[in-house]
PDB file of N, CA and C in Angstrom:
ATOM      1  N   MET A   1       1.501  16.908 -50.025  1.00  0.00           N
ATOM      2  CA  MET A   1      -0.048  16.964 -49.142  1.00  0.00           C
ATOM      3  C   MET A   1       0.327  17.363 -48.079  1.00  0.00           C
ATOM      4  N   GLU A   2       1.380  16.853 -47.178  1.00  0.00           N
ATOM      5  CA  GLU A   2       1.549  17.604 -45.728  1.00  0.00           C
ATOM      6  C   GLU A   2       2.071  19.086 -46.003  1.00  0.00           C
ATOM      7  N   ALA A   3       2.565  19.305 -46.927  1.00  0.00           N
ATOM      8  CA  ALA A   3       3.137  20.744 -47.360  1.00  0.00           C
ATOM      9  C   ALA A   3       1.636  21.695 -47.365  1.00  0.00           C
ATOM     10  N   LEU A   4       0.896  21.157 -48.024  1.00  0.00           N
ATOM     11  CA  LEU A   4      -0.218  21.492 -48.405  1.00  0.00           C
ATOM     12  C   LEU A   4      -1.127  21.677 -47.082  1.00  0.00           C
ATOM     13  N   VAL A   5      -1.450  20.944 -46.416  1.00  0.00           N
ATOM     14  CA  VAL A   5      -1.898  20.947 -45.177  1.00  0.00           C
ATOM     15  C   VAL A   5      -1.271  22.060 -44.416  1.00  0.00           C
ATOM     16  N   GLN A   6      -0.118  22.385 -44.231  1.00  0.00           N
ATOM     17  CA  GLN A   6       0.902  23.567 -43.427  1.00  0.00           C
ATOM     18  C   GLN A   6       0.540  24.766 -44.052  1.00  0.00           C
ATOM     19  N   ALA A   7       0.229  24.702 -45.702  1.00  0.00           N
ATOM     20  CA  ALA A   7       0.255  26.093 -45.920  1.00  0.00           C
ATOM     21  C   ALA A   7      -1.051  26.611 -46.180  1.00  0.00           C
ATOM     22  N   ALA A   8      -2.185  25.921 -46.184  1.00  0.00           N
ATOM     23  CA  ALA A   8      -3.769  26.120 -45.777  1.00  0.00           C
ATOM     24  C   ALA A   8      -4.176  27.067 -44.861  1.00  0.00           C
ATOM     25  N   ASP A   9      -5.095  27.556 -44.928  1.00  0.00           N
ATOM     26  CA  ASP A   9      -5.637  28.496 -43.817  1.00  0.00           C
ATOM     27  C   ASP A   9      -6.123  27.381 -42.532  1.00  0.00           C
ATOM     28  N   GLU A  10      -6.026  28.001 -41.453  1.00  0.00           N
ATOM     29  CA  GLU A  10      -6.379  27.211 -40.543  1.00  0.00           C
ATOM     30  C   GLU A  10      -7.691  26.544 -40.581  1.00  0.00           C
ATOM     31  N   SER A  11      -8.798  27.422 -41.218  1.00  0.00           N
ATOM     32  CA  SER A  11     -10.171  26.935 -41.139  1.00  0.00           C
ATOM     33  C   SER A  11     -10.202  25.783 -42.286  1.00  0.00           C
ATOM     34  N   GLN A  12      -9.253  25.486 -43.408  1.00  0.00           N
ATOM     35  CA  GLN A  12      -9.366  24.562 -44.270  1.00  0.00           C
ATOM     36  C   GLN A  12      -8.533  23.302 -43.784  1.00  0.00           C
ATOM     37  N   ARG A  13      -7.624  23.364 -42.811  1.00  0.00           N
ATOM     38  CA  ARG A  13      -6.777  22.380 -42.489  1.00  0.00           C
ATOM     39  C   ARG A  13      -7.585  20.884 -41.781  1.00  0.00           C
ATOM     40  N   PRO A  14      -8.526  21.172 -41.266  1.00  0.00           N
ATOM     41  CA  PRO A  14      -9.219  19.847 -41.179  1.00  0.00           C
ATOM     42  C   PRO A  14      -9.576  19.071 -41.879  1.00  0.00           C
ATOM     43  N   GLN A  15     -10.165  19.682 -43.158  1.00  0.00           N
ATOM     44  CA  GLN A  15     -10.626  19.055 -44.347  1.00  0.00           C
ATOM     45  C   GLN A  15      -9.379  18.195 -45.106  1.00  0.00           C
ATOM     46  N   LEU A  16      -8.298  18.912 -45.285  1.00  0.00           N
ATOM     47  CA  LEU A  16      -7.345  18.308 -45.506  1.00  0.00           C
ATOM     48  C   LEU A  16      -6.657  17.233 -44.728  1.00  0.00           C
ATOM     49  N   VAL A  17      -6.439  17.580 -43.684  1.00  0.00           N
ATOM     50  CA  VAL A  17      -6.205  16.487 -42.764  1.00  0.00           C
ATOM     51  C   VAL A  17      -7.059  15.238 -42.785  1.00  0.00           C
ATOM     52  N   ALA A  18      -8.443  15.294 -42.847  1.00  0.00           N
ATOM     53  CA  ALA A  18      -9.462  14.182 -42.869  1.00  0.00           C
ATOM     54  C   ALA A  18      -8.993  13.450 -44.394  1.00  0.00           C
ATOM     55  N   ILE A  19      -8.202  14.203 -45.417  1.00  0.00           N
ATOM     56  CA  ILE A  19      -8.233  13.500 -46.609  1.00  0.00           C
ATOM     57  C   ILE A  19      -6.718  12.606 -46.462  1.00  0.00           C
ATOM     58  N   LEU A  20      -5.791  13.441 -45.944  1.00  0.00           N
ATOM     59  CA  LEU A  20      -4.364  12.910 -45.588  1.00  0.00           C
ATOM     60  C   LEU A  20      -4.133  11.728 -44.632  1.00  0.00           C
ATOM     61  N   LEU A  21      -4.916  11.498 -43.610  1.00  0.00           N
ATOM     62  CA  LEU A  21      -5.123  10.547 -42.618  1.00  0.00           C
ATOM     63  C   LEU A  21      -5.467   9.269 -43.481  1.00  0.00           C
ATOM     64  N   PRO A  22      -6.600   8.818 -43.846  1.00  0.00           N
ATOM     65  CA  PRO A  22      -6.856   7.642 -44.635  1.00  0.00           C
ATOM     66  C   PRO A  22      -5.818   7.491 -45.942  1.00  0.00           C
ATOM     67  N   LEU A  23      -5.022   8.200 -46.508  1.00  0.00           N
ATOM     68  CA  LEU A  23      -3.986   7.970 -47.572  1.00  0.00           C
ATOM     69  C   LEU A  23      -3.275   7.618 -46.584  1.00  0.00           C
ATOM     70  N   LEU A  24      -2.443   7.689 -45.538  1.00  0.00           N
ATOM     71  CA  LEU A  24      -1.543   7.386 -44.683  1.00  0.00           C
ATOM     72  C   LEU A  24      -1.762   5.954 -44.596  1.00  0.00           C
ATOM     73  N   ILE A  25      -3.213   5.682 -43.878  1.00  0.00           N
ATOM     74  CA  ILE A  25      -3.446   4.666 -43.473  1.00  0.00           C
ATOM     75  C   ILE A  25      -3.635   3.573 -44.693  1.00  0.00           C
ATOM     76  N   SER A  26      -3.788   3.786 -45.742  1.00  0.00           N
ATOM     77  CA  SER A  26      -3.793   2.938 -46.813  1.00  0.00           C
ATOM     78  C   SER A  26      -2.273   2.335 -47.238  1.00  0.00           C
ATOM     79  N   PHE A  27      -1.288   2.909 -46.800  1.00  0.00           N
ATOM     80  CA  PHE A  27       0.012   2.465 -47.135  1.00  0.00           C
ATOM     81  C   PHE A  27       0.416   1.553 -45.886  1.00  0.00           C
ATOM     82  N   LEU A  28      -0.607   1.319 -44.697  1.00  0.00           N
ATOM     83  CA  LEU A  28      -0.008   0.554 -43.706  1.00  0.00           C
ATOM     84  C   LEU A  28      -0.185  -1.011 -43.926  1.00  0.00           C
ATOM     85  N   LEU A  29       0.921  -1.820 -43.500  1.00  0.00           N
ATOM     86  CA  LEU A  29       0.594  -3.093 -43.427  1.00  0.00           C
ATOM     87  C   LEU A  29       0.321  -3.786 -42.180  1.00  0.00           C
ATOM     88  N   ASP A  30      -0.289  -4.902 -42.349  1.00  0.00           N
ATOM     89  CA  ASP A  30      -0.732  -5.610 -41.276  1.00  0.00           C
ATOM     90  C   ASP A  30       0.120  -6.300 -40.596  1.00  0.00           C
ATOM     91  N   GLU A  31       0.202  -6.778 -39.456  1.00  0.00           N
ATOM     92  CA  GLU A  31       1.144  -8.042 -38.764  1.00  0.00           C
ATOM     93  C   GLU A  31       1.225  -9.207 -39.602  1.00  0.00           C
ATOM     94  N   ASN A  32       0.388  -9.503 -40.476  1.00  0.00           N
ATOM     95  CA  ASN A  32       0.511 -10.804 -41.262  1.00  0.00           C
ATOM     96  C   ASN A  32       1.280 -10.370 -42.638  1.00  0.00           C
ATOM     97  N   THR A  33       1.284  -9.487 -43.142  1.00  0.00           N
ATOM     98  CA  THR A  33       2.099  -9.071 -44.753  1.00  0.00           C
ATOM     99  C   THR A  33       3.293  -8.288 -44.185  1.00  0.00           C
ATOM    100  N   LEU A  34       3.614  -7.950 -43.311  1.00  0.00           N
ATOM    101  CA  LEU A  34       4.780  -6.876 -42.845  1.00  0.00           C
ATOM    102  C   LEU A  34       5.848  -7.533 -43.029  1.00  0.00           C
ATOM    103  N   GLY A  35       6.026  -8.981 -42.432  1.00  0.00           N
ATOM    104  CA  GLY A  35       7.523  -9.920 -42.459  1.00  0.00           C
ATOM    105  C   GLY A  35       7.755 -10.006 -43.854  1.00  0.00           C
ATOM    106  N   SER A  36       6.402 -10.558 -44.837  1.00  0.00           N
ATOM    107  CA  SER A  36       7.072 -10.936 -46.176  1.00  0.00           C
ATOM    108  C   SER A  36       7.043  -9.975 -47.465  1.00  0.00           C
ATOM    109  N   ALA A  37       6.398  -8.639 -46.958  1.00  0.00           N
ATOM    110  CA  ALA A  37       6.436  -7.784 -48.062  1.00  0.00           C
ATOM    111  C   ALA A  37       7.656  -7.131 -48.337  1.00  0.00           C
ATOM    112  N   PRO A  38       7.568  -6.622 -49.771  1.00  0.00           N
ATOM    113  CA  PRO A  38       8.915  -6.294 -50.167  1.00  0.00           C
ATOM    114  C   PRO A  38       9.724  -5.054 -49.598  1.00  0.00           C
ATOM    115  N   ALA A  39      10.876  -4.754 -49.552  1.00  0.00           N
ATOM    116  CA  ALA A  39      11.455  -3.649 -48.835  1.00  0.00           C
ATOM    117  C   ALA A  39      10.656  -2.199 -49.202  1.00  0.00           C
ATOM    118  N   SER A  40      10.212  -1.927 -50.095  1.00  0.00           N
ATOM    119  CA  SER A  40       9.706  -0.608 -50.611  1.00  0.00           C
ATOM    120  C   SER A  40       8.537  -0.607 -49.875  1.00  0.00           C
ATOM    121  N   SER A  41       7.693  -1.800 -49.886  1.00  0.00           N
ATOM    122  CA  SER A  41       6.410  -1.606 -49.064  1.00  0.00           C
ATOM    123  C   SER A  41       6.608  -1.551 -47.641  1.00  0.00           C
ATOM    124  N   ARG A  42       7.678  -2.176 -47.189  1.00  0.00           N
ATOM    125  CA  ARG A  42       8.084  -1.814 -45.523  1.00  0.00           C
ATOM    126  C   ARG A  42       8.329  -0.435 -45.201  1.00  0.00           C
ATOM    127  N   SER A  43       9.349   0.014 -46.057  1.00  0.00           N
ATOM    128  CA  SER A  43       9.681   1.786 -45.943  1.00  0.00           C
ATOM    129  C   SER A  43       8.481   2.483 -45.996  1.00  0.00           C
ATOM    130  N   LEU A  44       7.651   2.454 -47.033  1.00  0.00           N
ATOM    131  CA  LEU A  44       6.597   2.997 -47.297  1.00  0.00           C
ATOM    132  C   LEU A  44       5.507   2.803 -45.780  1.00  0.00           C
ATOM    133  N   HIS A  45       5.333   1.617 -45.365  1.00  0.00           N
ATOM    134  CA  HIS A  45       5.070   1.255 -44.286  1.00  0.00           C
ATOM    135  C   HIS A  45       5.581   1.973 -43.409  1.00  0.00           C
ATOM    136  N   GLU A  46       6.702   1.949 -42.746  1.00  0.00           N
ATOM    137  CA  GLU A  46       7.328   2.768 -41.635  1.00  0.00           C
ATOM    138  C   GLU A  46       7.206   4.290 -41.767  1.00  0.00           C
ATOM    139  N   ALA A  47       7.331   4.914 -43.018  1.00  0.00           N
ATOM    140  CA  ALA A  47       7.232   6.256 -43.332  1.00  0.00           C
ATOM    141  C   ALA A  47       5.806   6.709 -43.094  1.00  0.00           C
ATOM    142  N   ALA A  48       4.642   6.153 -43.407  1.00  0.00           N
ATOM    143  CA  ALA A  48       3.227   6.513 -43.334  1.00  0.00           C
ATOM    144  C   ALA A  48       3.227   6.135 -41.861  1.00  0.00           C
ATOM    145  N   LEU A  49       3.422   5.003 -40.861  1.00  0.00           N
ATOM    146  CA  LEU A  49       3.219   4.838 -39.596  1.00  0.00           C
ATOM    147  C   LEU A  49       4.047   6.078 -38.717  1.00  0.00           C
ATOM    148  N   LYS A  50       5.218   6.429 -39.209  1.00  0.00           N
ATOM    149  CA  LYS A  50       5.738   7.395 -38.422  1.00  0.00           C
ATOM    150  C   LYS A  50       4.939   9.028 -38.518  1.00  0.00           C
ATOM    151  N   ASP A  51       4.653   9.285 -39.760  1.00  0.00           N
ATOM    152  CA  ASP A  51       3.504  10.460 -39.783  1.00  0.00           C
ATOM    153  C   ASP A  51       2.600  10.348 -39.228  1.00  0.00           C
ATOM    154  N   LEU A  52       1.572   9.372 -39.396  1.00  0.00           N
ATOM    155  CA  LEU A  52       0.869   9.097 -38.463  1.00  0.00           C
ATOM    156  C   LEU A  52       0.863   9.437 -37.137  1.00  0.00           C
ATOM    157  N   MET A  53       1.800   8.861 -36.345  1.00  0.00           N
ATOM    158  CA  MET A  53       2.076   8.993 -34.994  1.00  0.00           C
ATOM    159  C   MET A  53       2.464  10.462 -34.443  1.00  0.00           C
ATOM    160  N   ARG A  54       2.994  10.960 -35.812  1.00  0.00           N
ATOM    161  CA  ARG A  54       3.464  12.585 -35.575  1.00  0.00           C
ATOM    162  C   ARG A  54       1.955  13.344 -35.750  1.00  0.00           C
ATOM    163  N   LEU A  55       1.405  13.131 -36.921  1.00  0.00           N
ATOM    164  CA  LEU A  55       0.120  14.211 -37.064  1.00  0.00           C
ATOM    165  C   LEU A  55      -1.115  13.739 -36.157  1.00  0.00           C
ATOM    166  N   GLY A  56      -1.020  12.534 -35.534  1.00  0.00           N
ATOM    167  CA  GLY A  56      -2.521  12.344 -34.944  1.00  0.00           C
ATOM    168  C   GLY A  56      -2.388  12.972 -33.718  1.00  0.00           C
ATOM    169  N   PRO A  57      -1.258  13.314 -33.075  1.00  0.00           N
ATOM    170  CA  PRO A  57      -1.423  14.340 -31.765  1.00  0.00           C
ATOM    171  C   PRO A  57      -1.522  15.664 -32.195  1.00  0.00           C
ATOM    172  N   GLN A  58      -1.037  16.020 -33.330  1.00  0.00           N
ATOM    173  CA  GLN A  58      -1.087  17.547 -33.901  1.00  0.00           C
ATOM    174  C   GLN A  58      -2.657  17.774 -34.460  1.00  0.00           C
ATOM    175  N   HIS A  59      -3.298  17.105 -34.732  1.00  0.00           N
ATOM    176  CA  HIS A  59      -4.785  17.173 -35.494  1.00  0.00           C
ATOM    177  C   HIS A  59      -5.577  16.091 -34.517  1.00  0.00           C
ATOM    178  N   SER A  60      -5.718  16.160 -33.365  1.00  0.00           N
ATOM    179  CA  SER A  60      -6.218  15.103 -32.467  1.00  0.00           C
ATOM    180  C   SER A  60      -7.908  15.071 -32.855  1.00  0.00           C
ATOM    181  N   THR A  61      -8.320  16.345 -32.677  1.00  0.00           N
ATOM    182  CA  THR A  61      -9.845  16.136 -33.005  1.00  0.00           C
ATOM    183  C   THR A  61     -10.397  15.375 -34.526  1.00  0.00           C
ATOM    184  N   VAL A  62      -9.736  15.727 -35.488  1.00  0.00           N
ATOM    185  CA  VAL A  62      -9.957  15.086 -36.759  1.00  0.00           C
ATOM    186  C   VAL A  62      -9.365  13.823 -36.743  1.00  0.00           C
ATOM    187  N   PHE A  63      -8.364  13.296 -35.868  1.00  0.00           N
ATOM    188  CA  PHE A  63      -8.217  11.945 -35.822  1.00  0.00           C
ATOM    189  C   PHE A  63      -9.129  11.239 -35.134  1.00  0.00           C
ATOM    190  N   ARG A  64      -9.010  11.593 -34.131  1.00  0.00           N
ATOM    191  CA  ARG A  64     -10.297  10.622 -33.463  1.00  0.00           C
ATOM    192  C   ARG A  64     -11.726  10.643 -34.354  1.00  0.00           C
ATOM    193  N   SER A  65     -12.112  11.753 -34.411  1.00  0.00           N
ATOM    194  CA  SER A  65     -13.270  11.581 -35.317  1.00  0.00           C
ATOM    195  C   SER A  65     -13.496  10.867 -36.231  1.00  0.00           C
ATOM    196  N   LEU A  66     -12.307  10.700 -37.291  1.00  0.00           N
ATOM    197  CA  LEU A  66     -12.236   9.669 -38.572  1.00  0.00           C
ATOM    198  C   LEU A  66     -11.791   8.504 -38.035  1.00  0.00           C
ATOM    199  N   ILE A  67     -11.259   8.024 -36.865  1.00  0.00           N
ATOM    200  CA  ILE A  67     -10.949   6.661 -36.668  1.00  0.00           C
ATOM    201  C   ILE A  67     -12.586   6.593 -35.912  1.00  0.00           C
ATOM    202  N   ARG A  68     -13.115   7.153 -35.132  1.00  0.00           N
ATOM    203  CA  ARG A  68     -14.528   6.677 -34.881  1.00  0.00           C
ATOM    204  C   ARG A  68     -15.414   6.465 -35.665  1.00  0.00           C
ATOM    205  N   SER A  69     -15.425   7.307 -36.681  1.00  0.00           N
ATOM    206  CA  SER A  69     -16.331   7.508 -37.878  1.00  0.00           C
ATOM    207  C   SER A  69     -16.066   6.169 -38.917  1.00  0.00           C
ATOM    208  N   SER A  70     -14.938   5.445 -38.753  1.00  0.00           N
ATOM    209  CA  SER A  70     -14.458   3.952 -39.821  1.00  0.00           C
ATOM    210  C   SER A  70     -13.847   3.410 -39.035  1.00  0.00           C
ATOM    211  N   PRO A  71     -14.688   2.315 -38.533  1.00  0.00           N
ATOM    212  CA  PRO A  71     -14.044   1.320 -38.242  1.00  0.00           C
ATOM    213  C   PRO A  71     -12.947   0.321 -39.066  1.00  0.00           C
ATOM    214  N   HIS A  72     -12.922   0.591 -40.136  1.00  0.00           N
ATOM    215  CA  HIS A  72     -12.088  -0.224 -41.294  1.00  0.00           C
ATOM    216  C   HIS A  72     -10.482   0.650 -41.002  1.00  0.00           C
ATOM    217  N   LEU A  73     -10.561   1.735 -41.072  1.00  0.00           N
ATOM    218  CA  LEU A  73      -9.601   2.657 -40.653  1.00  0.00           C
ATOM    219  C   LEU A  73      -8.694   2.206 -39.507  1.00  0.00           C
ATOM    220  N   LYS A  74      -9.608   1.982 -38.569  1.00  0.00           N
ATOM    221  CA  LYS A  74      -9.263   2.018 -37.136  1.00  0.00           C
ATOM    222  C   LYS A  74      -8.605   0.420 -37.151  1.00  0.00           C
ATOM    223  N   SER A  75      -9.338  -0.626 -37.406  1.00  0.00           N
ATOM    224  CA  SER A  75      -8.439  -1.985 -37.476  1.00  0.00           C
ATOM    225  C   SER A  75      -7.411  -1.891 -38.273  1.00  0.00           C
ATOM    226  N   ARG A  76      -7.310  -1.163 -39.308  1.00  0.00           N
ATOM    227  CA  ARG A  76      -6.086  -1.119 -40.054  1.00  0.00           C
ATOM    228  C   ARG A  76      -4.776  -0.459 -39.511  1.00  0.00           C
ATOM    229  N   LEU A  77      -5.281   0.589 -38.631  1.00  0.00           N
ATOM    230  CA  LEU A  77      -4.220   1.103 -37.906  1.00  0.00           C
ATOM    231  C   LEU A  77      -3.849   0.538 -36.776  1.00  0.00           C
ATOM    232  N   GLU A  78      -4.779  -0.597 -35.925  1.00  0.00           N
ATOM    233  CA  GLU A  78      -4.407  -1.255 -35.150  1.00  0.00           C
ATOM    234  C   GLU A  78      -3.410  -2.306 -35.362  1.00  0.00           C
ATOM    235  N   ALA A  79      -4.000  -2.854 -36.678  1.00  0.00           N
ATOM    236  CA  ALA A  79      -3.108  -4.054 -36.770  1.00  0.00           C
ATOM    237  C   ALA A  79      -1.692  -3.671 -37.139  1.00  0.00           C
ATOM    238  N   ALA A  80      -1.801  -2.163 -37.770  1.00  0.00           N
ATOM    239  CA  ALA A  80      -0.107  -1.914 -38.426  1.00  0.00           C
ATOM    240  C   ALA A  80       0.572  -1.748 -37.065  1.00  0.00           C
ATOM    241  N   VAL A  81       0.021  -1.062 -36.281  1.00  0.00           N
ATOM    242  CA  VAL A  81       0.806  -0.718 -34.922  1.00  0.00           C
ATOM    243  C   VAL A  81       1.078  -2.119 -34.309  1.00  0.00           C
ATOM    244  N   ARG A  82       0.336  -3.001 -34.445  1.00  0.00           N
ATOM    245  CA  ARG A  82       0.575  -4.224 -33.381  1.00  0.00           C
ATOM    246  C   ARG A  82       1.654  -4.974 -34.405  1.00  0.00           C
ATOM    247  N   GLY A  83       1.859  -4.986 -35.548  1.00  0.00           N
ATOM    248  CA  GLY A  83       2.863  -5.881 -36.699  1.00  0.00           C
ATOM    249  C   GLY A  83       4.339  -4.975 -36.452  1.00  0.00           C
ATOM    250  N   ASN A  84       4.128  -3.665 -36.348  1.00  0.00           N
ATOM    251  CA  ASN A  84       4.990  -2.840 -36.209  1.00  0.00           C
ATOM    252  C   ASN A  84       5.938  -3.301 -34.695  1.00  0.00           C
ATOM    253  N   GLN A  85       5.013  -3.428 -33.672  1.00  0.00           N
ATOM    254  CA  GLN A  85       5.590  -3.903 -32.290  1.00  0.00           C
ATOM    255  C   GLN A  85       6.366  -5.360 -32.357  1.00  0.00           C
ATOM    256  N   GLU A  86       5.616  -6.336 -33.111  1.00  0.00           N
ATOM    257  CA  GLU A  86       6.039  -7.370 -33.077  1.00  0.00           C
ATOM    258  C   GLU A  86       7.374  -7.480 -33.924  1.00  0.00           C
ATOM    259  N   CYS A  87       7.395  -6.819 -34.955  1.00  0.00           N
ATOM    260  CA  CYS A  87       8.867  -6.348 -35.671  1.00  0.00           C
ATOM    261  C   CYS A  87       9.994  -5.757 -34.837  1.00  0.00           C
ATOM    262  N   VAL A  88       9.490  -4.902 -34.016  1.00  0.00           N
ATOM    263  CA  VAL A  88      10.210  -4.309 -33.116  1.00  0.00           C
ATOM    264  C   VAL A  88      10.773  -5.394 -32.324  1.00  0.00           C
ATOM    265  N   ASN A  89      10.059  -6.024 -31.402  1.00  0.00           N
ATOM    266  CA  ASN A  89      10.583  -7.008 -30.528  1.00  0.00           C
ATOM    267  C   ASN A  89      11.225  -8.185 -31.027  1.00  0.00           C
ATOM    268  N   ALA A  90      11.050  -8.431 -32.272  1.00  0.00           N
ATOM    269  CA  ALA A  90      11.761  -9.584 -33.130  1.00  0.00           C
ATOM    270  C   ALA A  90      13.212  -8.844 -33.340  1.00  0.00           C
ATOM    271  N   LYS A  91      13.291  -8.030 -33.772  1.00  0.00           N
ATOM    272  CA  LYS A  91      14.713  -7.359 -34.039  1.00  0.00           C
ATOM    273  C   LYS A  91      15.529  -7.214 -32.535  1.00  0.00           C
ATOM    274  N   ALA A  92      14.933  -6.620 -31.832  1.00  0.00           N
ATOM    275  CA  ALA A  92      15.405  -6.711 -30.092  1.00  0.00           C
ATOM    276  C   ALA A  92      15.933  -7.966 -29.816  1.00  0.00           C
ATOM    277  N   ASN A  93      15.267  -8.947 -29.833  1.00  0.00           N
ATOM    278  CA  ASN A  93      15.349 -10.335 -29.474  1.00  0.00           C
ATOM    279  C   ASN A  93      16.425 -10.899 -30.414  1.00  0.00           C
ATOM    280  N   SER A  94      16.494 -10.848 -31.505  1.00  0.00           N
ATOM    281  CA  SER A  94      17.402 -11.044 -32.440  1.00  0.00           C
ATOM    282  C   SER A  94      18.994 -10.484 -32.426  1.00  0.00           C
ATOM    283  N   ALA A  95      18.864  -8.954 -31.859  1.00  0.00           N
ATOM    284  CA  ALA A  95      20.008  -8.437 -31.946  1.00  0.00           C
ATOM    285  C   ALA A  95      20.812  -8.632 -30.400  1.00  0.00           C
ATOM    286  N   ASN A  96      20.297  -9.339 -29.404  1.00  0.00           N
ATOM    287  CA  ASN A  96      20.725  -9.614 -28.438  1.00  0.00           C
ATOM    288  C   ASN A  96      20.971 -10.961 -28.091  1.00  0.00           C
ATOM    289  N   PRO A  97      21.625 -11.946 -29.052  1.00  0.00           N
ATOM    290  CA  PRO A  97      21.407 -13.460 -28.733  1.00  0.00           C
ATOM    291  C   PRO A  97      22.370 -13.651 -27.476  1.00  0.00           C
ATOM    292  N   ALA A  98      23.357 -12.989 -27.276  1.00  0.00           N
ATOM    293  CA  ALA A  98      24.356 -13.271 -26.084  1.00  0.00           C
ATOM    294  C   ALA A  98      23.758 -13.460 -24.978  1.00  0.00           C
ATOM    295  N   ALA A  99      22.378 -12.877 -24.564  1.00  0.00           N
ATOM    296  CA  ALA A  99      21.863 -12.874 -23.432  1.00  0.00           C
ATOM    297  C   ALA A  99      21.529 -14.021 -22.962  1.00  0.00           C
ATOM    298  N   LYS A 100      20.807 -14.871 -24.288  1.00  0.00           N
ATOM    299  CA  LYS A 100      20.445 -16.494 -24.465  1.00  0.00           C
ATOM    300  C   LYS A 100      21.152 -17.520 -24.322  1.00  0.00           C
ATOM    301  N   ALA A 101      22.610 -17.104 -24.819  1.00  0.00           N
ATOM    302  CA  ALA A 101      23.818 -18.028 -24.832  1.00  0.00           C
ATOM    303  C   ALA A 101      24.135 -18.762 -23.587  1.00  0.00           C
ATOM    304  N   SER A 102      24.485 -19.794 -23.481  1.00  0.00           N
ATOM    305  CA  SER A 102      25.292 -20.417 -22.415  1.00  0.00           C
ATOM    306  C   SER A 102      26.554 -19.559 -22.033  1.00  0.00           C
ATOM    307  N   PRO A 103      26.716 -19.514 -20.775  1.00  0.00           N
ATOM    308  CA  PRO A 103      28.067 -18.843 -20.307  1.00  0.00           C
ATOM    309  C   PRO A 103      29.314 -19.173 -20.728  1.00  0.00           C
ATOM    310  N   SER A 104      30.260 -18.346 -20.897  1.00  0.00           N
ATOM    311  CA  SER A 104      31.409 -19.119 -21.699  1.00  0.00           C
ATOM    312  C   SER A 104      32.370 -19.223 -20.635  1.00  0.00           C
ATOM    313  N   ILE A 105      32.086 -19.176 -19.573  1.00  0.00           N
ATOM    314  CA  ILE A 105      33.083 -19.787 -18.203  1.00  0.00           C
ATOM    315  C   ILE A 105      32.122 -20.504 -17.397  1.00  0.00           C
ATOM    316  N   THR A 106      32.407 -21.814 -17.195  1.00  0.00           N
ATOM    317  CA  THR A 106      31.735 -22.699 -16.429  1.00  0.00           C
ATOM    318  C   THR A 106      32.800 -23.237 -15.141  1.00  0.00           C
ATOM    319  N   LEU A 107      31.920 -23.121 -14.038  1.00  0.00           N
ATOM    320  CA  LEU A 107      32.768 -23.629 -13.018  1.00  0.00           C
ATOM    321  C   LEU A 107      32.815 -25.614 -12.535  1.00  0.00           C
ATOM    322  N   LYS A 108      33.912 -25.748 -12.209  1.00  0.00           N
ATOM    323  CA  LYS A 108      33.905 -27.054 -11.634  1.00  0.00           C
ATOM    324  C   LYS A 108      33.782 -27.219 -10.390  1.00  0.00           C
ATOM    325  N   THR A 109      33.760 -26.272  -9.524  1.00  0.00           N
ATOM    326  CA  THR A 109      33.443 -26.427  -8.321  1.00  0.00           C
ATOM    327  C   THR A 109      31.989 -25.817  -7.894  1.00  0.00           C
ATOM    328  N   ASN A 110      31.385 -26.700  -7.052  1.00  0.00           N
ATOM    329  CA  ASN A 110      29.943 -26.210  -6.755  1.00  0.00           C
ATOM    330  C   ASN A 110      30.327 -25.173  -5.392  1.00  0.00           C
ATOM    331  N   PHE A 111      30.553 -24.096  -5.127  1.00  0.00           N
ATOM    332  CA  PHE A 111      30.740 -23.591  -3.762  1.00  0.00           C
ATOM    333  C   PHE A 111      29.328 -23.215  -2.976  1.00  0.00           C
ATOM    334  N   LEU A 112      28.191 -24.079  -3.317  1.00  0.00           N
ATOM    335  CA  LEU A 112      26.984 -23.664  -2.527  1.00  0.00           C
ATOM    336  C   LEU A 112      26.965 -25.109  -2.059  1.00  0.00           C
ATOM    337  N   MET A 113      27.970 -26.041  -2.254  1.00  0.00           N
ATOM    338  CA  MET A 113      27.672 -27.143  -1.203  1.00  0.00           C
ATOM    339  C   MET A 113      28.023 -26.963   0.158  1.00  0.00           C
ATOM    340  N   LYS A 114      27.434 -27.546   1.314  1.00  0.00           N
ATOM    341  CA  LYS A 114      27.997 -27.504   2.457  1.00  0.00           C
ATOM    342  C   LYS A 114      28.823 -28.507   2.776  1.00  0.00           C
ATOM    343  N   THR A 115      29.884 -28.146   3.770  1.00  0.00           N
ATOM    344  CA  THR A 115      30.864 -28.842   3.934  1.00  0.00           C
ATOM    345  C   THR A 115      30.675 -29.665   5.433  1.00  0.00           C
ATOM    346  N   MET A 116      30.934 -30.766   5.842  1.00  0.00           N
ATOM    347  CA  MET A 116      30.615 -31.529   6.903  1.00  0.00           C
ATOM    348  C   MET A 116      31.687 -31.628   7.723  1.00  0.00           C
TER     349      MET A 116
END
């Protein structure tokens, strides 16, 4: 579908983009289903979100008018972005457990005590 958008005349692209964007949004998962979704659904979600993030700025007028005219698509896109951010934050927190762990070396002497 994206190749068709690129191959179309400039005058026909907005109509094709207006078909492509809701299709991509339909592949998105919200924050509640993203964690429990099968791997194939998650990869489809990630690919669709990546394409939307790339196509949105390229066709900003069509994207904005579509989001304004369809609150359902807007809420689905917002939920998908929130879910993706939560997933990224969870991965970042789990990838860096050493920062939360206790230090491996403990001091036996308190150097901050005042001597009298």
